[in-house]
């Protein structure tokens, strides 16, 4: 199993970030924090391609469940989610919720990429 779920989009970086944030809300998640690494590093004199990391959780929880990465690379914009099943070692916990969470996160990414 791959550690991440990765999809290439056809929108601009900012349009993709907006689409991901809409998809997060539509799938019952909330963005707890936004990390704009390009801006943060630019303020320290470093230049990188656009990179945003969103800390995402279920609406009724405060704990980070996933970090979604949106970045530009060689003219393409990518959205990546870390697969919950790749992080869970306890088989019982995996059966209780990680598979459903992973299905929701991959649907969230797919929805953001395919939205018009």
PDB file of N, CA and C in Angstrom:
ATOM      1  N   UNK A   1       0.832  -1.186   0.000  1.00  0.00           N
ATOM      2  CA  UNK A   1       0.000   0.000   0.000  1.00  0.00           C
ATOM      3  C   UNK A   1       0.877   1.250   0.000  1.00  0.00           C
ATOM      4  N   UNK A   2       0.466   2.196  -0.800  1.00  0.00           N
ATOM      5  CA  UNK A   2       1.159   3.490  -0.839  1.00  0.00           C
ATOM      6  C   UNK A   2       0.902   4.245   0.462  1.00  0.00           C
ATOM      7  N   UNK A   3       1.878   5.004   0.910  1.00  0.00           N
ATOM      8  CA  UNK A   3       1.768   5.806   2.122  1.00  0.00           C
ATOM      9  C   UNK A   3       0.832   6.999   1.924  1.00  0.00           C
ATOM     10  N   UNK A   4       0.752   7.508   0.680  1.00  0.00           N
ATOM     11  CA  UNK A   4      -0.083   8.672   0.401  1.00  0.00           C
ATOM     12  C   UNK A   4      -1.050   8.390  -0.743  1.00  0.00           C
ATOM     13  N   UNK A   5      -2.095   9.192  -0.791  1.00  0.00           N
ATOM     14  CA  UNK A   5      -3.030   9.201  -1.909  1.00  0.00           C
ATOM     15  C   UNK A   5      -2.787  10.515  -2.635  1.00  0.00           C
ATOM     16  N   UNK A   6      -2.422  10.449  -3.898  1.00  0.00           N
ATOM     17  CA  UNK A   6      -1.959  11.628  -4.633  1.00  0.00           C
ATOM     18  C   UNK A   6      -2.718  11.761  -5.943  1.00  0.00           C
ATOM     19  N   UNK A   7      -3.218  12.992  -6.197  1.00  0.00           N
ATOM     20  CA  UNK A   7      -3.937  13.275  -7.442  1.00  0.00           C
ATOM     21  C   UNK A   7      -3.456  14.589  -8.038  1.00  0.00           C
ATOM     22  N   UNK A   8      -3.335  14.606  -9.353  1.00  0.00           N
ATOM     23  CA  UNK A   8      -2.948  15.818 -10.067  1.00  0.00           C
ATOM     24  C   UNK A   8      -4.202  16.563 -10.497  1.00  0.00           C
ATOM     25  N   UNK A   9      -4.191  17.882 -10.298  1.00  0.00           N
ATOM     26  CA  UNK A   9      -5.327  18.697 -10.694  1.00  0.00           C
ATOM     27  C   UNK A   9      -5.056  19.490 -11.956  1.00  0.00           C
ATOM     28  N   UNK A  10      -6.110  20.131 -12.466  1.00  0.00           N
ATOM     29  CA  UNK A  10      -5.975  20.931 -13.684  1.00  0.00           C
ATOM     30  C   UNK A  10      -6.187  22.421 -13.427  1.00  0.00           C
ATOM     31  N   UNK A  11      -6.452  22.787 -12.182  1.00  0.00           N
ATOM     32  CA  UNK A  11      -6.679  24.187 -11.825  1.00  0.00           C
ATOM     33  C   UNK A  11      -5.368  24.825 -11.371  1.00  0.00           C
ATOM     34  N   UNK A  12      -5.419  26.136 -11.177  1.00  0.00           N
ATOM     35  CA  UNK A  12      -4.258  26.845 -10.624  1.00  0.00           C
ATOM     36  C   UNK A  12      -4.076  26.430  -9.159  1.00  0.00           C
ATOM     37  N   UNK A  13      -2.947  26.821  -8.596  1.00  0.00           N
ATOM     38  CA  UNK A  13      -2.683  26.495  -7.197  1.00  0.00           C
ATOM     39  C   UNK A  13      -3.771  27.057  -6.284  1.00  0.00           C
ATOM     40  N   UNK A  14      -4.057  28.361  -6.409  1.00  0.00           N
ATOM     41  CA  UNK A  14      -5.059  28.977  -5.522  1.00  0.00           C
ATOM     42  C   UNK A  14      -6.451  28.399  -5.734  1.00  0.00           C
ATOM     43  N   UNK A  15      -6.819  28.115  -6.975  1.00  0.00           N
ATOM     44  CA  UNK A  15      -8.116  27.483  -7.244  1.00  0.00           C
ATOM     45  C   UNK A  15      -8.179  26.089  -6.618  1.00  0.00           C
ATOM     46  N   UNK A  16      -7.068  25.382  -6.641  1.00  0.00           N
ATOM     47  CA  UNK A  16      -7.033  24.049  -6.045  1.00  0.00           C
ATOM     48  C   UNK A  16      -7.156  24.126  -4.528  1.00  0.00           C
ATOM     49  N   UNK A  17      -6.455  25.073  -3.898  1.00  0.00           N
ATOM     50  CA  UNK A  17      -6.582  25.251  -2.449  1.00  0.00           C
ATOM     51  C   UNK A  17      -8.041  25.539  -2.089  1.00  0.00           C
ATOM     52  N   UNK A  18      -8.691  26.430  -2.827  1.00  0.00           N
ATOM     53  CA  UNK A  18     -10.100  26.751  -2.565  1.00  0.00           C
ATOM     54  C   UNK A  18     -10.987  25.527  -2.763  1.00  0.00           C
ATOM     55  N   UNK A  19     -10.732  24.739  -3.807  1.00  0.00           N
ATOM     56  CA  UNK A  19     -11.524  23.531  -4.072  1.00  0.00           C
ATOM     57  C   UNK A  19     -11.337  22.508  -2.960  1.00  0.00           C
ATOM     58  N   UNK A  20     -10.113  22.369  -2.467  1.00  0.00           N
ATOM     59  CA  UNK A  20      -9.864  21.431  -1.369  1.00  0.00           C
ATOM     60  C   UNK A  20     -10.586  21.897  -0.115  1.00  0.00           C
ATOM     61  N   UNK A  21     -10.530  23.187   0.194  1.00  0.00           N
ATOM     62  CA  UNK A  21     -11.213  23.693   1.387  1.00  0.00           C
ATOM     63  C   UNK A  21     -12.727  23.504   1.288  1.00  0.00           C
ATOM     64  N   UNK A  22     -13.304  23.707   0.098  1.00  0.00           N
ATOM     65  CA  UNK A  22     -14.746  23.446  -0.090  1.00  0.00           C
ATOM     66  C   UNK A  22     -15.047  21.961   0.107  1.00  0.00           C
ATOM     67  N   UNK A  23     -14.206  21.124  -0.443  1.00  0.00           N
ATOM     68  CA  UNK A  23     -14.406  19.680  -0.335  1.00  0.00           C
ATOM     69  C   UNK A  23     -14.257  19.206   1.113  1.00  0.00           C
ATOM     70  N   UNK A  24     -13.335  19.805   1.849  1.00  0.00           N
ATOM     71  CA  UNK A  24     -13.167  19.479   3.269  1.00  0.00           C
ATOM     72  C   UNK A  24     -14.496  19.693   3.992  1.00  0.00           C
ATOM     73  N   UNK A  25     -15.098  20.869   3.800  1.00  0.00           N
ATOM     74  CA  UNK A  25     -16.374  21.183   4.462  1.00  0.00           C
ATOM     75  C   UNK A  25     -17.493  20.266   3.982  1.00  0.00           C
ATOM     76  N   UNK A  26     -17.539  19.999   2.690  1.00  0.00           N
ATOM     77  CA  UNK A  26     -18.602  19.163   2.119  1.00  0.00           C
ATOM     78  C   UNK A  26     -18.544  17.725   2.620  1.00  0.00           C
ATOM     79  N   UNK A  27     -17.368  17.274   3.044  1.00  0.00           N
ATOM     80  CA  UNK A  27     -17.220  15.903   3.522  1.00  0.00           C
ATOM     81  C   UNK A  27     -17.223  15.799   5.051  1.00  0.00           C
ATOM     82  N   UNK A  28     -17.665  16.865   5.727  1.00  0.00           N
ATOM     83  CA  UNK A  28     -17.825  16.816   7.180  1.00  0.00           C
ATOM     84  C   UNK A  28     -16.543  17.000   7.973  1.00  0.00           C
ATOM     85  N   UNK A  29     -15.550  17.593   7.355  1.00  0.00           N
ATOM     86  CA  UNK A  29     -14.288  17.887   8.035  1.00  0.00           C
ATOM     87  C   UNK A  29     -14.160  19.395   8.204  1.00  0.00           C
ATOM     88  N   UNK A  30     -13.197  19.792   9.013  1.00  0.00           N
ATOM     89  CA  UNK A  30     -12.863  21.204   9.170  1.00  0.00           C
ATOM     90  C   UNK A  30     -11.353  21.360   9.036  1.00  0.00           C
ATOM     91  N   UNK A  31     -10.945  22.549   8.605  1.00  0.00           N
ATOM     92  CA  UNK A  31      -9.524  22.878   8.554  1.00  0.00           C
ATOM     93  C   UNK A  31      -9.166  23.512   9.890  1.00  0.00           C
ATOM     94  N   UNK A  32      -8.307  22.849  10.637  1.00  0.00           N
ATOM     95  CA  UNK A  32      -7.876  23.373  11.931  1.00  0.00           C
ATOM     96  C   UNK A  32      -6.792  24.435  11.766  1.00  0.00           C
ATOM     97  N   UNK A  33      -5.864  24.189  10.846  1.00  0.00           N
ATOM     98  CA  UNK A  33      -4.767  25.121  10.604  1.00  0.00           C
ATOM     99  C   UNK A  33      -4.361  25.077   9.133  1.00  0.00           C
ATOM    100  N   UNK A  34      -3.897  26.225   8.638  1.00  0.00           N
ATOM    101  CA  UNK A  34      -3.316  26.333   7.283  1.00  0.00           C
ATOM    102  C   UNK A  34      -1.860  26.723   7.438  1.00  0.00           C
ATOM    103  N   UNK A  35      -1.001  26.006   6.754  1.00  0.00           N
ATOM    104  CA  UNK A  35       0.429  26.310   6.773  1.00  0.00           C
ATOM    105  C   UNK A  35       0.841  26.679   5.351  1.00  0.00           C
ATOM    106  N   UNK A  36       1.075  27.962   5.116  1.00  0.00           N
ATOM    107  CA  UNK A  36       1.518  28.436   3.806  1.00  0.00           C
ATOM    108  C   UNK A  36       3.040  28.472   3.834  1.00  0.00           C
ATOM    109  N   UNK A  37       3.646  27.361   3.449  1.00  0.00           N
ATOM    110  CA  UNK A  37       5.098  27.243   3.545  1.00  0.00           C
ATOM    111  C   UNK A  37       5.828  28.166   2.587  1.00  0.00           C
ATOM    112  N   UNK A  38       5.251  28.428   1.429  1.00  0.00           N
ATOM    113  CA  UNK A  38       5.891  29.336   0.483  1.00  0.00           C
ATOM    114  C   UNK A  38       6.031  30.730   1.109  1.00  0.00           C
ATOM    115  N   UNK A  39       4.956  31.240   1.711  1.00  0.00           N
ATOM    116  CA  UNK A  39       5.009  32.571   2.342  1.00  0.00           C
ATOM    117  C   UNK A  39       5.937  32.589   3.552  1.00  0.00           C
ATOM    118  N   UNK A  40       5.855  31.546   4.370  1.00  0.00           N
ATOM    119  CA  UNK A  40       6.698  31.480   5.561  1.00  0.00           C
ATOM    120  C   UNK A  40       8.171  31.494   5.193  1.00  0.00           C
ATOM    121  N   UNK A  41       8.535  30.684   4.210  1.00  0.00           N
ATOM    122  CA  UNK A  41       9.941  30.630   3.810  1.00  0.00           C
ATOM    123  C   UNK A  41      10.375  31.890   3.067  1.00  0.00           C
ATOM    124  N   UNK A  42       9.452  32.497   2.300  1.00  0.00           N
ATOM    125  CA  UNK A  42       9.775  33.742   1.603  1.00  0.00           C
ATOM    126  C   UNK A  42      10.127  34.843   2.602  1.00  0.00           C
ATOM    127  N   UNK A  43       9.431  34.846   3.749  1.00  0.00           N
ATOM    128  CA  UNK A  43       9.718  35.861   4.762  1.00  0.00           C
ATOM    129  C   UNK A  43      11.112  35.683   5.373  1.00  0.00           C
ATOM    130  N   UNK A  44      11.705  34.519   5.155  1.00  0.00           N
ATOM    131  CA  UNK A  44      13.052  34.234   5.666  1.00  0.00           C
ATOM    132  C   UNK A  44      14.090  34.234   4.550  1.00  0.00           C
ATOM    133  N   UNK A  45      13.660  34.660   3.338  1.00  0.00           N
ATOM    134  CA  UNK A  45      14.591  34.797   2.238  1.00  0.00           C
ATOM    135  C   UNK A  45      14.725  33.588   1.326  1.00  0.00           C
ATOM    136  N   UNK A  46      13.863  32.594   1.498  1.00  0.00           N
ATOM    137  CA  UNK A  46      13.919  31.391   0.667  1.00  0.00           C
ATOM    138  C   UNK A  46      12.785  31.407  -0.354  1.00  0.00           C
ATOM    139  N   UNK A  47      13.057  30.914  -1.548  1.00  0.00           N
ATOM    140  CA  UNK A  47      12.050  30.844  -2.598  1.00  0.00           C
ATOM    141  C   UNK A  47      11.754  29.386  -2.903  1.00  0.00           C
ATOM    142  N   UNK A  48      10.481  29.002  -2.799  1.00  0.00           N
ATOM    143  CA  UNK A  48      10.048  27.656  -3.160  1.00  0.00           C
ATOM    144  C   UNK A  48       8.767  27.744  -3.980  1.00  0.00           C
ATOM    145  N   UNK A  49       8.405  26.664  -4.608  1.00  0.00           N
ATOM    146  CA  UNK A  49       7.131  26.566  -5.316  1.00  0.00           C
ATOM    147  C   UNK A  49       6.001  26.660  -4.293  1.00  0.00           C
ATOM    148  N   UNK A  50       4.769  27.002  -4.726  1.00  0.00           N
ATOM    149  CA  UNK A  50       3.646  27.060  -3.791  1.00  0.00           C
ATOM    150  C   UNK A  50       3.441  25.729  -3.064  1.00  0.00           C
ATOM    151  N   UNK A  51       3.262  25.819  -1.745  1.00  0.00           N
ATOM    152  CA  UNK A  51       3.036  24.649  -0.904  1.00  0.00           C
ATOM    153  C   UNK A  51       2.172  25.046   0.276  1.00  0.00           C
ATOM    154  N   UNK A  52       1.007  24.422   0.399  1.00  0.00           N
ATOM    155  CA  UNK A  52       0.077  24.670   1.493  1.00  0.00           C
ATOM    156  C   UNK A  52      -0.195  23.331   2.167  1.00  0.00           C
ATOM    157  N   UNK A  53      -0.144  23.311   3.500  1.00  0.00           N
ATOM    158  CA  UNK A  53      -0.506  22.119   4.260  1.00  0.00           C
ATOM    159  C   UNK A  53      -1.705  22.477   5.114  1.00  0.00           C
ATOM    160  N   UNK A  54      -2.759  21.672   4.998  1.00  0.00           N
ATOM    161  CA  UNK A  54      -3.977  21.873   5.785  1.00  0.00           C
ATOM    162  C   UNK A  54      -4.075  20.781   6.831  1.00  0.00           C
ATOM    163  N   UNK A  55      -4.218  21.166   8.099  1.00  0.00           N
ATOM    164  CA  UNK A  55      -4.484  20.211   9.172  1.00  0.00           C
ATOM    165  C   UNK A  55      -5.998  20.030   9.229  1.00  0.00           C
ATOM    166  N   UNK A  56      -6.453  18.812   9.014  1.00  0.00           N
ATOM    167  CA  UNK A  56      -7.874  18.524   8.848  1.00  0.00           C
ATOM    168  C   UNK A  56      -8.349  17.554   9.921  1.00  0.00           C
ATOM    169  N   UNK A  57      -9.576  17.779  10.412  1.00  0.00           N
ATOM    170  CA  UNK A  57     -10.188  16.882  11.398  1.00  0.00           C
ATOM    171  C   UNK A  57     -11.679  16.792  11.131  1.00  0.00           C
ATOM    172  N   UNK A  58     -12.332  15.801  11.763  1.00  0.00           N
ATOM    173  CA  UNK A  58     -13.793  15.737  11.720  1.00  0.00           C
ATOM    174  C   UNK A  58     -14.344  16.960  12.430  1.00  0.00           C
ATOM    175  N   UNK A  59     -15.549  17.377  12.051  1.00  0.00           N
ATOM    176  CA  UNK A  59     -16.150  18.573  12.655  1.00  0.00           C
ATOM    177  C   UNK A  59     -16.272  18.474  14.173  1.00  0.00           C
ATOM    178  N   UNK A  60     -16.485  17.274  14.706  1.00  0.00           N
ATOM    179  CA  UNK A  60     -16.716  17.105  16.145  1.00  0.00           C
ATOM    180  C   UNK A  60     -15.454  16.731  16.928  1.00  0.00           C
ATOM    181  N   UNK A  61     -14.282  16.865  16.307  1.00  0.00           N
ATOM    182  CA  UNK A  61     -13.025  16.525  16.983  1.00  0.00           C
ATOM    183  C   UNK A  61     -12.030  17.672  16.846  1.00  0.00           C
ATOM    184  N   UNK A  62     -11.116  17.753  17.808  1.00  0.00           N
ATOM    185  CA  UNK A  62     -10.061  18.763  17.737  1.00  0.00           C
ATOM    186  C   UNK A  62      -8.718  18.184  17.315  1.00  0.00           C
ATOM    187  N   UNK A  63      -8.612  16.876  17.306  1.00  0.00           N
ATOM    188  CA  UNK A  63      -7.334  16.242  16.968  1.00  0.00           C
ATOM    189  C   UNK A  63      -7.135  16.221  15.454  1.00  0.00           C
ATOM    190  N   UNK A  64      -5.901  16.438  15.028  1.00  0.00           N
ATOM    191  CA  UNK A  64      -5.571  16.312  13.604  1.00  0.00           C
ATOM    192  C   UNK A  64      -5.796  14.867  13.181  1.00  0.00           C
ATOM    193  N   UNK A  65      -6.537  14.689  12.111  1.00  0.00           N
ATOM    194  CA  UNK A  65      -6.703  13.351  11.557  1.00  0.00           C
ATOM    195  C   UNK A  65      -5.859  13.166  10.316  1.00  0.00           C
ATOM    196  N   UNK A  66      -5.615  14.272   9.638  1.00  0.00           N
ATOM    197  CA  UNK A  66      -4.883  14.160   8.384  1.00  0.00           C
ATOM    198  C   UNK A  66      -4.278  15.506   8.031  1.00  0.00           C
ATOM    199  N   UNK A  67      -3.197  15.438   7.321  1.00  0.00           N
ATOM    200  CA  UNK A  67      -2.610  16.630   6.736  1.00  0.00           C
ATOM    201  C   UNK A  67      -2.752  16.497   5.229  1.00  0.00           C
ATOM    202  N   UNK A  68      -3.387  17.480   4.632  1.00  0.00           N
ATOM    203  CA  UNK A  68      -3.526  17.526   3.186  1.00  0.00           C
ATOM    204  C   UNK A  68      -2.485  18.486   2.638  1.00  0.00           C
ATOM    205  N   UNK A  69      -1.742  18.044   1.663  1.00  0.00           N
ATOM    206  CA  UNK A  69      -0.697  18.865   1.049  1.00  0.00           C
ATOM    207  C   UNK A  69      -1.161  19.264  -0.346  1.00  0.00           C
ATOM    208  N   UNK A  70      -1.058  20.541  -0.644  1.00  0.00           N
ATOM    209  CA  UNK A  70      -1.357  21.053  -1.986  1.00  0.00           C
ATOM    210  C   UNK A  70      -0.084  21.769  -2.439  1.00  0.00           C
ATOM    211  N   UNK A  71       0.442  21.352  -3.573  1.00  0.00           N
ATOM    212  CA  UNK A  71       1.687  21.969  -4.018  1.00  0.00           C
ATOM    213  C   UNK A  71       1.772  22.007  -5.536  1.00  0.00           C
ATOM    214  N   UNK A  72       2.589  22.922  -6.020  1.00  0.00           N
ATOM    215  CA  UNK A  72       2.847  23.058  -7.455  1.00  0.00           C
ATOM    216  C   UNK A  72       4.226  22.489  -7.744  1.00  0.00           C
ATOM    217  N   UNK A  73       4.319  21.762  -8.853  1.00  0.00           N
ATOM    218  CA  UNK A  73       5.593  21.179  -9.255  1.00  0.00           C
ATOM    219  C   UNK A  73       5.620  21.023 -10.764  1.00  0.00           C
ATOM    220  N   UNK A  74       6.536  21.712 -11.408  1.00  0.00           N
ATOM    221  CA  UNK A  74       6.749  21.614 -12.853  1.00  0.00           C
ATOM    222  C   UNK A  74       5.457  21.842 -13.654  1.00  0.00           C
ATOM    223  N   UNK A  75       4.731  22.883 -13.273  1.00  0.00           N
ATOM    224  CA  UNK A  75       3.535  23.259 -14.017  1.00  0.00           C
ATOM    225  C   UNK A  75       2.272  22.511 -13.639  1.00  0.00           C
ATOM    226  N   UNK A  76       2.368  21.555 -12.727  1.00  0.00           N
ATOM    227  CA  UNK A  76       1.186  20.801 -12.283  1.00  0.00           C
ATOM    228  C   UNK A  76       0.903  21.136 -10.820  1.00  0.00           C
ATOM    229  N   UNK A  77      -0.360  20.991 -10.427  1.00  0.00           N
ATOM    230  CA  UNK A  77      -0.753  21.174  -9.027  1.00  0.00           C
ATOM    231  C   UNK A  77      -1.219  19.820  -8.513  1.00  0.00           C
ATOM    232  N   UNK A  78      -0.720  19.444  -7.350  1.00  0.00           N
ATOM    233  CA  UNK A  78      -0.992  18.138  -6.753  1.00  0.00           C
ATOM    234  C   UNK A  78      -1.680  18.298  -5.406  1.00  0.00           C
ATOM    235  N   UNK A  79      -2.536  17.320  -5.077  1.00  0.00           N
ATOM    236  CA  UNK A  79      -3.146  17.227  -3.755  1.00  0.00           C
ATOM    237  C   UNK A  79      -2.779  15.855  -3.203  1.00  0.00           C
ATOM    238  N   UNK A  80      -2.283  15.838  -1.984  1.00  0.00           N
ATOM    239  CA  UNK A  80      -1.858  14.592  -1.349  1.00  0.00           C
ATOM    240  C   UNK A  80      -2.500  14.478   0.029  1.00  0.00           C
ATOM    241  N   UNK A  81      -2.976  13.285   0.346  1.00  0.00           N
ATOM    242  CA  UNK A  81      -3.449  12.962   1.696  1.00  0.00           C
ATOM    243  C   UNK A  81      -2.649  11.762   2.184  1.00  0.00           C
ATOM    244  N   UNK A  82      -2.214  11.807   3.429  1.00  0.00           N
ATOM    245  CA  UNK A  82      -1.552  10.647   4.014  1.00  0.00           C
ATOM    246  C   UNK A  82      -2.637   9.628   4.344  1.00  0.00           C
ATOM    247  N   UNK A  83      -2.435   8.400   3.902  1.00  0.00           N
ATOM    248  CA  UNK A  83      -3.425   7.338   4.134  1.00  0.00           C
ATOM    249  C   UNK A  83      -3.443   6.938   5.612  1.00  0.00           C
ATOM    250  N   UNK A  84      -4.601   7.056   6.275  1.00  0.00           N
ATOM    251  CA  UNK A  84      -4.685   6.667   7.696  1.00  0.00           C
ATOM    252  C   UNK A  84      -4.265   5.216   7.934  1.00  0.00           C
ATOM    253  N   UNK A  85      -4.594   4.319   7.026  1.00  0.00           N
ATOM    254  CA  UNK A  85      -4.225   2.913   7.211  1.00  0.00           C
ATOM    255  C   UNK A  85      -2.712   2.721   7.214  1.00  0.00           C
ATOM    256  N   UNK A  86      -1.982   3.604   6.570  1.00  0.00           N
ATOM    257  CA  UNK A  86      -0.524   3.494   6.552  1.00  0.00           C
ATOM    258  C   UNK A  86       0.082   3.880   7.898  1.00  0.00           C
ATOM    259  N   UNK A  87      -0.671   4.641   8.694  1.00  0.00           N
ATOM    260  CA  UNK A  87      -0.170   5.112   9.981  1.00  0.00           C
ATOM    261  C   UNK A  87      -0.592   4.231  11.152  1.00  0.00           C
ATOM    262  N   UNK A  88      -1.588   3.395  10.949  1.00  0.00           N
ATOM    263  CA  UNK A  88      -2.155   2.606  12.040  1.00  0.00           C
ATOM    264  C   UNK A  88      -1.516   1.225  12.057  1.00  0.00           C
ATOM    265  N   UNK A  89      -0.960   0.865  13.208  1.00  0.00           N
ATOM    266  CA  UNK A  89      -0.346  -0.455  13.342  1.00  0.00           C
ATOM    267  C   UNK A  89      -1.292  -1.455  13.986  1.00  0.00           C
ATOM    268  N   UNK A  90      -2.181  -1.000  14.843  1.00  0.00           N
ATOM    269  CA  UNK A  90      -3.103  -1.866  15.570  1.00  0.00           C
ATOM    270  C   UNK A  90      -4.211  -2.326  14.635  1.00  0.00           C
ATOM    271  N   UNK A  91      -4.280  -3.602  14.347  1.00  0.00           N
ATOM    272  CA  UNK A  91      -5.273  -4.144  13.428  1.00  0.00           C
ATOM    273  C   UNK A  91      -6.704  -3.877  13.860  1.00  0.00           C
ATOM    274  N   UNK A  92      -6.984  -3.921  15.173  1.00  0.00           N
ATOM    275  CA  UNK A  92      -8.342  -3.679  15.661  1.00  0.00           C
ATOM    276  C   UNK A  92      -8.760  -2.242  15.387  1.00  0.00           C
ATOM    277  N   UNK A  93      -7.848  -1.302  15.615  1.00  0.00           N
ATOM    278  CA  UNK A  93      -8.166   0.102  15.355  1.00  0.00           C
ATOM    279  C   UNK A  93      -8.407   0.314  13.867  1.00  0.00           C
ATOM    280  N   UNK A  94      -7.614  -0.339  13.048  1.00  0.00           N
ATOM    281  CA  UNK A  94      -7.777  -0.233  11.601  1.00  0.00           C
ATOM    282  C   UNK A  94      -9.188  -0.643  11.206  1.00  0.00           C
ATOM    283  N   UNK A  95      -9.638  -1.733  11.757  1.00  0.00           N
ATOM    284  CA  UNK A  95     -10.969  -2.249  11.423  1.00  0.00           C
ATOM    285  C   UNK A  95     -12.065  -1.311  11.920  1.00  0.00           C
ATOM    286  N   UNK A  96     -11.846  -0.631  13.032  1.00  0.00           N
ATOM    287  CA  UNK A  96     -12.881   0.223  13.615  1.00  0.00           C
ATOM    288  C   UNK A  96     -13.106   1.520  12.877  1.00  0.00           C
ATOM    289  N   UNK A  97     -12.115   2.070  12.214  1.00  0.00           N
ATOM    290  CA  UNK A  97     -12.386   3.371  11.637  1.00  0.00           C
ATOM    291  C   UNK A  97     -11.423   3.886  10.597  1.00  0.00           C
ATOM    292  N   UNK A  98     -10.229   3.366  10.572  1.00  0.00           N
ATOM    293  CA  UNK A  98      -9.242   3.914   9.643  1.00  0.00           C
ATOM    294  C   UNK A  98      -9.651   3.688   8.192  1.00  0.00           C
ATOM    295  N   UNK A  99     -10.264   2.557   7.894  1.00  0.00           N
ATOM    296  CA  UNK A  99     -10.672   2.282   6.511  1.00  0.00           C
ATOM    297  C   UNK A  99     -11.753   3.261   6.063  1.00  0.00           C
ATOM    298  N   UNK A 100     -12.711   3.533   6.943  1.00  0.00           N
ATOM    299  CA  UNK A 100     -13.769   4.492   6.607  1.00  0.00           C
ATOM    300  C   UNK A 100     -13.200   5.899   6.470  1.00  0.00           C
ATOM    301  N   UNK A 101     -12.306   6.268   7.373  1.00  0.00           N
ATOM    302  CA  UNK A 101     -11.667   7.581   7.301  1.00  0.00           C
ATOM    303  C   UNK A 101     -10.887   7.722   6.003  1.00  0.00           C
ATOM    304  N   UNK A 102     -10.148   6.678   5.646  1.00  0.00           N
ATOM    305  CA  UNK A 102      -9.382   6.736   4.403  1.00  0.00           C
ATOM    306  C   UNK A 102     -10.294   6.877   3.196  1.00  0.00           C
ATOM    307  N   UNK A 103     -11.411   6.163   3.184  1.00  0.00           N
ATOM    308  CA  UNK A 103     -12.366   6.281   2.078  1.00  0.00           C
ATOM    309  C   UNK A 103     -12.905   7.703   1.991  1.00  0.00           C
ATOM    310  N   UNK A 104     -13.202   8.318   3.133  1.00  0.00           N
ATOM    311  CA  UNK A 104     -13.701   9.699   3.152  1.00  0.00           C
ATOM    312  C   UNK A 104     -12.638  10.675   2.656  1.00  0.00           C
ATOM    313  N   UNK A 105     -11.399  10.468   3.056  1.00  0.00           N
ATOM    314  CA  UNK A 105     -10.325  11.372   2.635  1.00  0.00           C
ATOM    315  C   UNK A 105     -10.025  11.246   1.145  1.00  0.00           C
ATOM    316  N   UNK A 106     -10.027  10.032   0.624  1.00  0.00           N
ATOM    317  CA  UNK A 106      -9.782   9.882  -0.811  1.00  0.00           C
ATOM    318  C   UNK A 106     -10.943  10.470  -1.607  1.00  0.00           C
ATOM    319  N   UNK A 107     -12.174  10.323  -1.101  1.00  0.00           N
ATOM    320  CA  UNK A 107     -13.327  10.949  -1.772  1.00  0.00           C
ATOM    321  C   UNK A 107     -13.209  12.465  -1.727  1.00  0.00           C
ATOM    322  N   UNK A 108     -12.734  13.006  -0.607  1.00  0.00           N
ATOM    323  CA  UNK A 108     -12.541  14.442  -0.464  1.00  0.00           C
ATOM    324  C   UNK A 108     -11.533  14.941  -1.494  1.00  0.00           C
ATOM    325  N   UNK A 109     -10.407  14.254  -1.638  1.00  0.00           N
ATOM    326  CA  UNK A 109      -9.388  14.646  -2.613  1.00  0.00           C
ATOM    327  C   UNK A 109      -9.941  14.535  -4.034  1.00  0.00           C
ATOM    328  N   UNK A 110     -10.595  13.420  -4.340  1.00  0.00           N
ATOM    329  CA  UNK A 110     -11.163  13.225  -5.671  1.00  0.00           C
ATOM    330  C   UNK A 110     -12.173  14.330  -6.008  1.00  0.00           C
ATOM    331  N   UNK A 111     -13.010  14.669  -5.048  1.00  0.00           N
ATOM    332  CA  UNK A 111     -14.014  15.708  -5.250  1.00  0.00           C
ATOM    333  C   UNK A 111     -13.360  17.053  -5.520  1.00  0.00           C
ATOM    334  N   UNK A 112     -12.321  17.373  -4.772  1.00  0.00           N
ATOM    335  CA  UNK A 112     -11.628  18.657  -4.960  1.00  0.00           C
ATOM    336  C   UNK A 112     -10.980  18.726  -6.343  1.00  0.00           C
ATOM    337  N   UNK A 113     -10.411  17.636  -6.782  1.00  0.00           N
ATOM    338  CA  UNK A 113      -9.731  17.616  -8.087  1.00  0.00           C
ATOM    339  C   UNK A 113     -10.718  17.688  -9.239  1.00  0.00           C
ATOM    340  N   UNK A 114     -11.866  17.036  -9.078  1.00  0.00           N
ATOM    341  CA  UNK A 114     -12.816  16.973 -10.197  1.00  0.00           C
ATOM    342  C   UNK A 114     -13.825  18.110 -10.201  1.00  0.00           C
ATOM    343  N   UNK A 115     -13.873  18.929  -9.130  1.00  0.00           N
ATOM    344  CA  UNK A 115     -14.853  20.018  -9.089  1.00  0.00           C
ATOM    345  C   UNK A 115     -14.522  21.074 -10.135  1.00  0.00           C
ATOM    346  N   UNK A 116     -15.566  21.686 -10.663  1.00  0.00           N
ATOM    347  CA  UNK A 116     -15.373  22.659 -11.731  1.00  0.00           C
ATOM    348  C   UNK A 116     -15.259  24.033 -11.318  1.00  0.00           C
TER     349      UNK A 116
END
